[in-house]
Protein backbone atom coordinates (compact mmCIF):
# COMPACT_ATOMS: atom_id res chain seq x y z
CA UNK A 1 31.35 40.65 -30.01
CA UNK A 2 30.11 37.32 -30.24
CA UNK A 3 25.96 36.79 -29.55
CA UNK A 4 26.07 34.74 -26.31
CA UNK A 5 24.26 31.78 -25.88
CA UNK A 6 23.68 29.17 -22.91
CA UNK A 7 22.04 26.05 -23.82
CA UNK A 8 21.32 23.11 -21.17
CA UNK A 9 20.11 19.65 -20.80
CA UNK A 10 18.71 17.02 -18.22
CA UNK A 11 18.64 14.40 -19.46
CA UNK A 12 17.08 12.08 -22.84
CA UNK A 13 14.95 9.01 -23.06
CA UNK A 14 11.86 7.42 -24.04
CA UNK A 15 8.44 9.23 -24.07
CA UNK A 16 5.81 8.18 -21.33
CA UNK A 17 2.75 9.76 -22.47
CA UNK A 18 0.29 7.42 -20.83
CA UNK A 19 1.44 8.43 -17.59
CA UNK A 20 2.08 12.19 -18.46
CA UNK A 21 0.77 14.40 -15.84
CA UNK A 22 0.12 18.00 -17.54
CA UNK A 23 1.23 19.45 -14.34
CA UNK A 24 4.64 17.68 -13.63
CA UNK A 25 5.32 18.85 -17.59
CA UNK A 26 4.52 21.95 -17.00
CA UNK A 27 6.83 21.97 -13.52
CA UNK A 28 9.98 20.73 -15.87
CA UNK A 29 9.02 23.37 -18.64
CA UNK A 30 9.23 25.85 -15.45
CA UNK A 31 12.60 24.72 -13.96
CA UNK A 32 14.56 24.60 -17.52
CA UNK A 33 13.58 28.31 -18.40
CA UNK A 34 14.57 29.46 -14.95
CA UNK A 35 17.83 27.86 -14.96
CA UNK A 36 18.27 28.98 -18.38
CA UNK A 37 17.32 32.77 -17.23
CA UNK A 38 20.12 32.28 -14.54
CA UNK A 39 22.63 31.38 -17.21
CA UNK A 40 21.45 34.19 -19.86
CA UNK A 41 21.56 36.70 -17.34
CA UNK A 42 25.38 36.07 -16.19
CA UNK A 43 25.86 36.30 -20.12
CA UNK A 44 24.21 39.34 -20.29
CA UNK A 45 25.65 41.44 -17.67
CA UNK A 46 29.05 40.40 -19.26
CA UNK A 47 30.04 37.34 -17.06
CA UNK A 48 32.04 34.20 -18.62
CA UNK A 49 30.67 31.15 -20.37
CA UNK A 50 32.36 28.96 -17.78
CA UNK A 51 30.53 30.99 -14.51
CA UNK A 52 27.19 30.98 -16.77
CA UNK A 53 27.66 27.14 -16.94
CA UNK A 54 29.06 26.51 -13.45
CA UNK A 55 26.11 28.17 -12.55
CA UNK A 56 23.28 26.34 -14.45
CA UNK A 57 24.41 23.07 -13.73
CA UNK A 58 24.61 24.11 -10.50
CA UNK A 59 21.03 24.60 -10.68
CA UNK A 60 20.24 21.55 -12.15
CA UNK A 61 22.12 19.95 -9.35
CA UNK A 62 19.82 21.55 -6.62
CA UNK A 63 16.40 20.25 -8.26
CA UNK A 64 15.51 16.81 -7.75
CA UNK A 65 13.53 16.29 -11.05
CA UNK A 66 16.83 15.97 -12.17
CA UNK A 67 19.80 13.53 -11.87
CA UNK A 68 22.57 15.39 -9.99
CA UNK A 69 23.12 16.66 -6.87
CA UNK A 70 19.60 16.37 -5.00
CA UNK A 71 17.43 13.55 -6.02
CA UNK A 72 21.18 11.12 -7.63
CA UNK A 73 20.03 7.85 -8.31
CA UNK A 74 21.13 4.53 -6.39
CA UNK A 75 24.17 2.14 -6.88
CA UNK A 76 23.26 -1.59 -6.26
CA UNK A 77 24.36 -1.15 -3.01
CA UNK A 78 22.09 1.54 -2.00
CA UNK A 79 24.49 4.23 -1.61
CA UNK A 80 25.19 7.79 -4.27
CA UNK A 81 28.23 8.12 -6.24
CA UNK A 82 28.13 11.72 -8.18
CA UNK A 83 29.99 12.94 -11.04
CA UNK A 84 30.88 16.29 -13.29
CA UNK A 85 32.91 17.59 -14.99
CA UNK A 86 33.66 21.06 -15.92
CA UNK A 87 36.17 22.89 -19.20
CA UNK A 88 36.70 25.38 -20.08
CA UNK A 89 37.43 26.46 -24.30
CA UNK A 90 39.73 29.71 -23.69
CA UNK A 91 42.40 27.53 -22.02
CA UNK A 92 41.60 24.05 -22.10
CA UNK A 93 41.90 23.74 -18.63
CA UNK A 94 39.72 20.83 -17.20
CA UNK A 95 38.38 19.65 -13.60
CA UNK A 96 36.43 16.53 -13.31
CA UNK A 97 35.47 14.34 -10.09
CA UNK A 98 33.77 11.12 -9.89
CA UNK A 99 32.44 8.77 -7.58
CA UNK A 100 31.82 10.87 -4.79
CA UNK A 101 29.14 11.38 -2.40
CA UNK A 102 29.43 13.83 0.42
CA UNK A 103 30.19 16.52 -1.70
CA UNK A 104 26.47 18.95 -2.44
CA UNK A 105 27.59 19.81 -5.61
CA UNK A 106 29.72 18.07 -7.68
CA UNK A 107 30.29 20.61 -10.55
CA UNK A 108 31.31 23.41 -8.05
CA UNK A 109 34.05 20.35 -6.95
CA UNK A 110 34.83 20.47 -10.27
CA UNK A 111 35.60 23.79 -10.55
CA UNK A 112 37.72 24.03 -8.24
CA UNK A 113 39.96 20.75 -9.58
CA UNK A 114 40.04 23.44 -12.72
CA UNK A 115 40.92 26.16 -10.60
CA UNK A 116 43.05 25.30 -7.74
CA UNK A 117 45.06 21.43 -8.77
CA UNK A 118 47.46 20.76 -10.89
CA UNK A 119 45.25 17.72 -11.37
CA UNK A 120 42.49 17.19 -13.91
CA UNK A 121 40.25 14.28 -12.25
CA UNK A 122 39.90 13.04 -8.54
CA UNK A 123 37.89 10.34 -7.29
CA UNK A 124 36.10 9.13 -4.16
CA UNK A 125 37.42 9.80 -0.91
CA UNK A 126 40.47 12.02 -2.32
CA UNK A 127 38.14 13.91 -4.25
CA UNK A 128 35.66 14.73 -1.06
CA UNK A 129 38.70 15.55 0.93
CA UNK A 130 39.84 18.24 -1.66
CA UNK A 131 37.12 20.09 -2.01
CA UNK A 132 36.63 20.20 1.91
CA UNK A 133 39.99 22.12 1.93
CA UNK A 134 38.55 24.34 -0.91
CA UNK A 135 35.59 25.19 1.51
CA UNK A 136 32.46 23.65 -0.30
CA UNK A 137 30.00 22.19 1.61
CA UNK A 138 30.07 18.76 2.94
CA UNK A 139 26.77 16.61 3.12
CA UNK A 140 25.65 13.54 4.75
CA UNK A 141 25.51 10.66 1.76
CA UNK A 142 21.44 10.60 2.37
CA UNK A 143 21.10 13.98 1.25
CA UNK A 144 21.02 13.08 -2.17
CA UNK A 145 18.31 10.77 -1.69
CA UNK A 146 14.60 10.92 -2.44
CA UNK A 147 11.75 8.47 -2.26
CA UNK A 148 11.35 8.18 -5.87
CA UNK A 149 14.67 7.10 -6.44
CA UNK A 150 14.55 4.85 -3.50
CA UNK A 151 11.12 3.18 -5.35
CA UNK A 152 12.83 3.27 -8.78
CA UNK A 153 15.97 1.16 -7.15
CA UNK A 154 13.30 -1.62 -6.09
CA UNK A 155 12.14 -1.75 -8.99
CA UNK A 156 15.05 -2.13 -10.46
CA UNK A 157 16.47 -4.36 -7.82
CA UNK A 158 13.21 -6.63 -8.58
CA UNK A 159 13.90 -6.95 -12.08
CA UNK A 160 17.64 -7.37 -12.05
CA UNK A 161 18.16 -4.69 -14.34
CA UNK A 162 20.21 -1.55 -14.96
CA UNK A 163 17.89 1.42 -15.39
CA UNK A 164 19.14 4.63 -17.57
CA UNK A 165 17.21 7.17 -15.91
CA UNK A 166 16.54 9.32 -12.44
CA UNK A 167 13.12 9.35 -11.17
CA UNK A 168 10.49 7.49 -9.74
CA UNK A 169 7.71 5.54 -11.09
CA UNK A 170 6.44 6.10 -14.32
CA UNK A 171 3.20 5.07 -13.61
CA UNK A 172 2.94 7.18 -10.43
CA UNK A 173 5.17 10.02 -10.72
CA UNK A 174 3.40 11.63 -14.32
CA UNK A 175 7.06 12.05 -15.65
CA UNK A 176 7.07 13.41 -19.55
CA UNK A 177 9.99 10.94 -20.15
CA UNK A 178 9.34 7.28 -18.82
CA UNK A 179 12.08 7.25 -15.70
CA UNK A 180 12.87 3.59 -16.21
CA UNK A 181 14.05 4.41 -19.45
CA UNK A 182 15.77 7.74 -19.21
CA UNK A 183 19.34 8.90 -18.81
CA UNK A 184 19.47 11.19 -16.01
CA UNK A 185 22.86 13.38 -16.96
CA UNK A 186 22.99 17.31 -16.83
CA UNK A 187 24.23 19.64 -18.51
CA UNK A 188 25.34 23.39 -19.98
CA UNK A 189 27.40 24.86 -22.85
CA UNK A 190 27.66 29.00 -23.02
CA UNK A 191 29.12 31.10 -25.53
CA UNK A 192 30.53 34.71 -23.78
CA UNK A 193 30.42 37.83 -25.24
CA UNK A 194 34.18 37.63 -25.64
CA UNK A 195 34.30 34.54 -27.59
CA UNK A 196 35.04 31.97 -24.98
CA UNK A 197 33.20 28.37 -24.73
CA UNK A 198 32.67 26.63 -21.55
CA UNK A 199 30.73 23.09 -21.13
CA UNK A 200 29.88 21.18 -17.84
CA UNK A 201 28.07 18.11 -17.20
CA UNK A 202 27.21 16.46 -14.09
CA UNK A 203 25.32 12.76 -12.70
CA UNK A 204 24.17 10.40 -10.41
CA UNK A 205 24.58 7.65 -12.89
CA UNK A 206 22.64 4.73 -13.77
CA UNK A 207 20.10 3.13 -11.12
CA UNK A 208 21.49 -0.16 -9.73
CA UNK A 209 24.83 0.67 -11.09
CA UNK A 210 27.86 -1.58 -9.56
CA UNK A 211 29.81 0.82 -7.60
CA UNK A 212 32.53 2.31 -8.65
CA UNK A 213 31.02 1.91 -12.31
CA UNK A 214 31.60 5.69 -14.21
CA UNK A 215 30.47 6.49 -17.60
CA UNK A 216 31.05 9.24 -19.78
CA UNK A 217 30.29 12.20 -17.46
CA UNK A 218 33.22 13.25 -15.80
CA UNK A 219 35.59 12.06 -19.16
CA UNK A 220 36.25 14.99 -21.02
CA UNK A 221 36.12 14.66 -24.61
CA UNK A 222 33.31 11.48 -24.30
CA UNK A 223 30.64 13.50 -22.23
CA UNK A 224 32.31 17.22 -21.62
CA UNK A 225 34.64 19.02 -23.98
CA UNK A 226 35.19 22.99 -24.99
CA UNK A 227 37.57 24.39 -27.19
CA UNK A 228 36.99 27.85 -28.74
CA UNK A 229 38.27 26.64 -32.00
CA UNK A 230 35.47 25.05 -32.57
CA UNK A 231 32.38 24.26 -29.48
CA UNK A 232 31.72 23.47 -26.46
CA UNK A 233 29.42 19.80 -26.09
CA UNK A 234 27.79 18.02 -22.92
CA UNK A 235 26.07 14.73 -23.62
CA UNK A 236 23.59 12.59 -22.14
CA UNK A 237 22.85 9.00 -22.76
CA UNK A 238 24.29 5.37 -22.53
CA UNK A 239 27.74 6.40 -21.18
CA UNK A 240 29.43 3.33 -22.02
CA UNK A 241 28.91 3.85 -25.90
CA UNK A 242 29.77 8.02 -25.12
CA UNK A 243 32.82 6.86 -23.76
CA UNK A 244 33.41 4.27 -26.49
CA UNK A 245 32.86 6.46 -29.25
CA UNK A 246 34.58 9.69 -27.70
CA UNK A 247 31.08 11.81 -28.66
CA UNK A 248 32.10 14.79 -27.20
CA UNK A 249 35.34 15.42 -28.99
CA UNK A 250 34.09 13.89 -32.20
CA UNK A 251 32.32 16.44 -32.48
CA UNK A 252 34.97 19.34 -32.69
CA UNK A 253 36.99 17.15 -34.40
CA UNK A 254 34.78 16.71 -37.49
CA UNK A 255 34.65 20.53 -37.18
CA UNK A 256 38.23 20.98 -37.45
CA UNK A 257 39.43 18.59 -39.34
CA UNK A 258 36.72 17.71 -41.71
CA UNK A 259 35.31 21.24 -42.22
CA UNK A 260 31.70 20.05 -40.75
CA UNK A 261 29.26 22.40 -39.65
CA UNK A 262 27.70 22.61 -36.35
CA UNK A 263 24.92 20.29 -37.35
CA UNK A 264 26.52 18.17 -38.92
CA UNK A 265 28.87 17.14 -36.68
CA UNK A 266 26.16 16.96 -33.81
CA UNK A 267 23.94 14.59 -36.48
CA UNK A 268 26.55 12.47 -37.18
CA UNK A 269 27.80 12.00 -33.53
CA UNK A 270 24.35 11.15 -32.28
CA UNK A 271 22.56 9.46 -35.39
CA UNK A 272 25.58 7.83 -36.84
CA UNK A 273 28.35 6.67 -34.63
CA UNK A 274 26.74 6.35 -30.99
CA UNK A 275 23.45 4.35 -32.59
CA UNK A 276 25.99 2.30 -34.55
CA UNK A 277 27.29 0.82 -31.46
CA UNK A 278 23.61 0.36 -30.05
CA UNK A 279 23.60 3.61 -27.83
CA UNK A 280 21.22 6.06 -26.99
CA UNK A 281 20.62 9.69 -25.67
CA UNK A 282 21.57 13.30 -26.74
CA UNK A 283 23.73 16.37 -26.62
CA UNK A 284 24.04 19.71 -26.25
CA UNK A 285 26.83 22.24 -28.42
CA UNK A 286 27.16 25.57 -29.33
CA UNK A 287 29.72 26.70 -31.51
CA UNK A 288 32.50 29.43 -32.17
CA UNK A 289 29.89 31.71 -33.84
CA UNK A 290 26.89 31.16 -31.41
CA UNK A 291 24.85 28.35 -33.42
CA UNK A 292 23.13 25.82 -31.47
CA UNK A 293 22.52 21.89 -31.84
CA UNK A 294 20.60 19.96 -29.42
CA UNK A 295 20.33 16.19 -31.29
CA UNK A 296 19.01 13.45 -29.85
CA UNK A 297 18.17 9.73 -30.89
CA UNK A 298 15.88 8.91 -27.97
CA UNK A 299 12.15 10.05 -28.10
CA UNK A 300 12.62 13.06 -25.77
CA UNK A 301 15.50 15.17 -24.46
CA UNK A 302 14.94 17.94 -21.42
CA UNK A 303 16.48 20.99 -23.01
CA UNK A 304 16.55 24.73 -23.38
CA UNK A 305 18.55 27.46 -24.61
CA UNK A 306 18.35 31.16 -25.35
CA UNK A 307 20.43 34.00 -26.95
CA UNK A 308 21.02 36.85 -24.39
CA UNK A 309 19.38 38.93 -26.75
CA UNK A 310 16.28 36.30 -26.99
CA UNK A 311 13.70 34.72 -25.90
CA UNK A 312 14.23 31.25 -23.70
CA UNK A 313 13.15 28.01 -25.43
CA UNK A 314 12.30 24.86 -23.74
CA UNK A 315 11.44 21.33 -24.95
CA UNK A 316 10.97 18.07 -24.09
CA UNK A 317 10.17 16.06 -27.08
CA UNK A 318 10.84 15.40 -30.36
CA UNK A 319 8.27 17.31 -32.45
CA UNK A 320 8.75 20.79 -30.10
């Protein structure tokens, strides 16, 4: 049997050591560990990689520390537009939603698209109607709002900037990563005991983004990819660059066609190809043998992983 393993991320970005709060950092670490543990338990019970990544990302969406689901960032117009994708490495089936504002857990909607729709990607009102027909919980648009995200939008509007983050004021919230220079996507990858791989990615996007903007997260091959032949990947970073480089699929392609190892392929994508286009961020990946890679070219990345028979490891900074 394969050595089952799960890895998660909660975004990558610049470290804000001057504003760092020990309590806030511990809160992040506790949430990451609890979410890894939930996925680990599913795998330990013989559950599927698809179920493990679904539940891990659902929990990340429910945690307002991260920019997916509750606590999603605001668009320029003061609204929320969420995206998610999930991919089954066993079948290459994909489900994704983009630009949704009334689905509590976009990853669950993506899973329903994968299982119950002939399509791969549904957007906006059509995706919301499909999710409701599948029995998923609709929410009011303000469900995702938090005071911290609203304050961040006001700072972005004042500076006329696009902020690649998901949290409140860097100098008041005490976050380990600078909220105004952070990529807030979340994701999970897993290998189950049957040798099947799966990946899922979810995001609220970029603070102050144009309504209708879609990044890499819901696009299979860019922000999410899984194939039992090679690897499961979930990305976080400068979405437009991850789309241009097809970052997630490029990891699989390098492994399949060039015979590169997981570590070689992921390093090439993050430290060479993405960085050459001035992209910032990282990815998490698990290969068909249960090896794990978590590279990033930013100063930090919220991340965690565990094999079913191992300890839970969580980290934020480059040197941990």
